[in-house]
């Protein structure tokens, strides 16, 4: 974000009104809602996280332990559990009843699951 001089952008009357309220200070003017981009659209971060999470889930399915995956990707074990659970949820039954590997198309938001979900996942992984 760049700073722009208000006198170069605003009409003189409006500038005088703004100076009544915020003279000599920095003022942030947010974008209109219709001009806003969703998270990850302006940069490639959403795609990067999606690819990373796909690799994490693939490693999990190949039999790597959560500890190994967390060390490989420099994440906490809790984060790896969260990503795996998110992948399992997105890879659940499809319309025709088949389990599809749609888990490869997910981006797991932070703090996605509850403590109960975590305990269920942990017990499933412990049984392996």
Protein backbone atom coordinates (compact mmCIF):
# COMPACT_ATOMS: atom_id res chain seq x y z
CA UNK A 1 0.00 0.00 0.00
CA UNK A 2 1.34 3.40 -0.96
CA UNK A 3 0.69 6.71 0.69
CA UNK A 4 -1.01 9.32 -1.49
CA UNK A 5 -1.19 13.02 -0.70
CA UNK A 6 -4.80 13.90 0.01
CA UNK A 7 -4.47 17.30 -1.70
CA UNK A 8 -3.56 15.49 -4.92
CA UNK A 9 -6.62 13.24 -4.78
CA UNK A 10 -9.45 14.94 -2.89
CA UNK A 11 -11.37 18.06 -3.88
CA UNK A 12 -10.45 21.12 -1.79
CA UNK A 13 -13.79 21.26 0.05
CA UNK A 14 -13.63 17.60 1.01
CA UNK A 15 -10.01 17.98 2.12
CA UNK A 16 -11.01 20.84 4.43
CA UNK A 17 -13.78 18.69 5.95
CA UNK A 18 -11.38 15.77 6.50
CA UNK A 19 -8.86 18.13 8.11
CA UNK A 20 -11.51 19.10 10.68
CA UNK A 21 -11.58 15.49 11.89
CA UNK A 22 -8.08 14.15 11.22
CA UNK A 23 -5.67 17.01 10.62
CA UNK A 24 -2.01 16.03 10.35
CA UNK A 25 -2.58 12.30 10.90
CA UNK A 26 -2.38 9.27 8.67
CA UNK A 27 -5.78 8.14 7.52
CA UNK A 28 -6.56 4.71 6.09
CA UNK A 29 -9.45 4.55 3.64
CA UNK A 30 -10.61 0.96 3.08
CA UNK A 31 -11.62 -0.39 -0.31
CA UNK A 32 -15.24 -0.75 -1.25
CA UNK A 33 -16.59 -4.24 -0.59
CA UNK A 34 -17.06 -4.97 -4.29
CA UNK A 35 -13.37 -4.22 -4.93
CA UNK A 36 -12.09 -6.51 -2.18
CA UNK A 37 -10.37 -9.75 -3.02
CA UNK A 38 -10.81 -12.96 -1.10
CA UNK A 39 -7.99 -14.38 0.97
CA UNK A 40 -5.19 -15.71 -1.23
CA UNK A 41 -6.36 -14.13 -4.50
CA UNK A 42 -3.83 -11.32 -4.79
CA UNK A 43 -0.85 -13.55 -4.10
CA UNK A 44 -0.28 -17.25 -4.70
CA UNK A 45 -0.61 -18.19 -1.02
CA UNK A 46 -3.90 -20.07 -1.33
CA UNK A 47 -2.52 -22.31 -4.06
CA UNK A 48 0.72 -22.78 -2.12
CA UNK A 49 -1.14 -23.93 1.03
CA UNK A 50 -3.34 -26.19 -1.05
CA UNK A 51 -0.31 -27.93 -2.60
CA UNK A 52 1.39 -28.21 0.79
CA UNK A 53 -1.71 -29.72 2.40
CA UNK A 54 -2.06 -32.16 -0.49
CA UNK A 55 1.53 -33.33 0.06
CA UNK A 56 0.89 -33.67 3.80
CA UNK A 57 -2.21 -35.80 3.23
CA UNK A 58 -0.41 -37.89 0.61
CA UNK A 59 2.43 -38.56 3.06
CA UNK A 60 -0.11 -39.53 5.70
CA UNK A 61 -1.82 -41.97 3.33
CA UNK A 62 1.57 -43.44 2.42
CA UNK A 63 2.09 -44.35 6.07
CA UNK A 64 4.29 -41.58 7.43
CA UNK A 65 3.67 -40.79 11.09
CA UNK A 66 2.26 -37.43 12.13
CA UNK A 67 5.52 -36.70 13.95
CA UNK A 68 7.56 -37.35 10.77
CA UNK A 69 5.23 -35.18 8.70
CA UNK A 70 5.31 -32.36 11.25
CA UNK A 71 9.11 -32.38 11.26
CA UNK A 72 9.29 -32.54 7.46
CA UNK A 73 6.96 -29.56 6.98
CA UNK A 74 8.03 -27.61 10.10
CA UNK A 75 4.52 -27.69 11.58
CA UNK A 76 3.19 -28.68 14.97
CA UNK A 77 1.63 -32.11 15.25
CA UNK A 78 -1.68 -30.44 16.04
CA UNK A 79 -1.54 -28.57 12.71
CA UNK A 80 -0.85 -31.82 10.86
CA UNK A 81 -3.81 -33.48 12.63
CA UNK A 82 -5.98 -30.53 11.61
CA UNK A 83 -4.92 -30.80 7.96
CA UNK A 84 -5.51 -34.56 7.92
CA UNK A 85 -8.94 -34.18 9.48
CA UNK A 86 -9.85 -31.45 7.01
CA UNK A 87 -8.73 -33.69 4.15
CA UNK A 88 -10.77 -36.60 5.51
CA UNK A 89 -13.86 -34.40 5.83
CA UNK A 90 -13.51 -33.08 2.30
CA UNK A 91 -12.85 -36.60 1.02
CA UNK A 92 -16.04 -38.06 2.47
CA UNK A 93 -18.93 -39.53 0.50
CA UNK A 94 -19.87 -37.98 -2.83
CA UNK A 95 -23.40 -37.73 -4.32
CA UNK A 96 -23.29 -41.21 -5.85
CA UNK A 97 -22.09 -42.76 -2.57
CA UNK A 98 -18.50 -43.40 -3.59
CA UNK A 99 -15.62 -42.11 -1.54
CA UNK A 100 -13.70 -39.87 -3.85
CA UNK A 101 -10.27 -38.47 -3.28
CA UNK A 102 -11.64 -34.95 -3.24
CA UNK A 103 -9.35 -34.38 -0.29
CA UNK A 104 -6.77 -33.34 -2.83
CA UNK A 105 -8.80 -30.18 -3.50
CA UNK A 106 -8.88 -28.62 -0.05
CA UNK A 107 -7.35 -25.68 1.74
CA UNK A 108 -7.80 -26.17 5.44
CA UNK A 109 -8.59 -22.97 7.31
CA UNK A 110 -6.92 -22.38 10.66
CA UNK A 111 -8.65 -23.67 13.79
CA UNK A 112 -11.08 -25.65 11.68
CA UNK A 113 -12.07 -28.43 14.04
CA UNK A 114 -13.24 -28.79 17.58
CA UNK A 115 -11.49 -30.50 20.47
CA UNK A 116 -13.85 -33.48 20.02
CA UNK A 117 -12.84 -33.81 16.35
CA UNK A 118 -9.20 -33.72 17.40
CA UNK A 119 -9.72 -36.46 20.00
CA UNK A 120 -11.55 -38.66 17.47
CA UNK A 121 -8.77 -38.22 14.92
CA UNK A 122 -6.10 -38.84 17.53
CA UNK A 123 -7.79 -42.08 18.62
CA UNK A 124 -8.06 -43.20 14.96
CA UNK A 125 -4.36 -42.54 14.41
CA UNK A 126 -3.43 -44.31 17.64
CA UNK A 127 -5.21 -47.45 16.47
CA UNK A 128 -3.01 -47.73 13.38
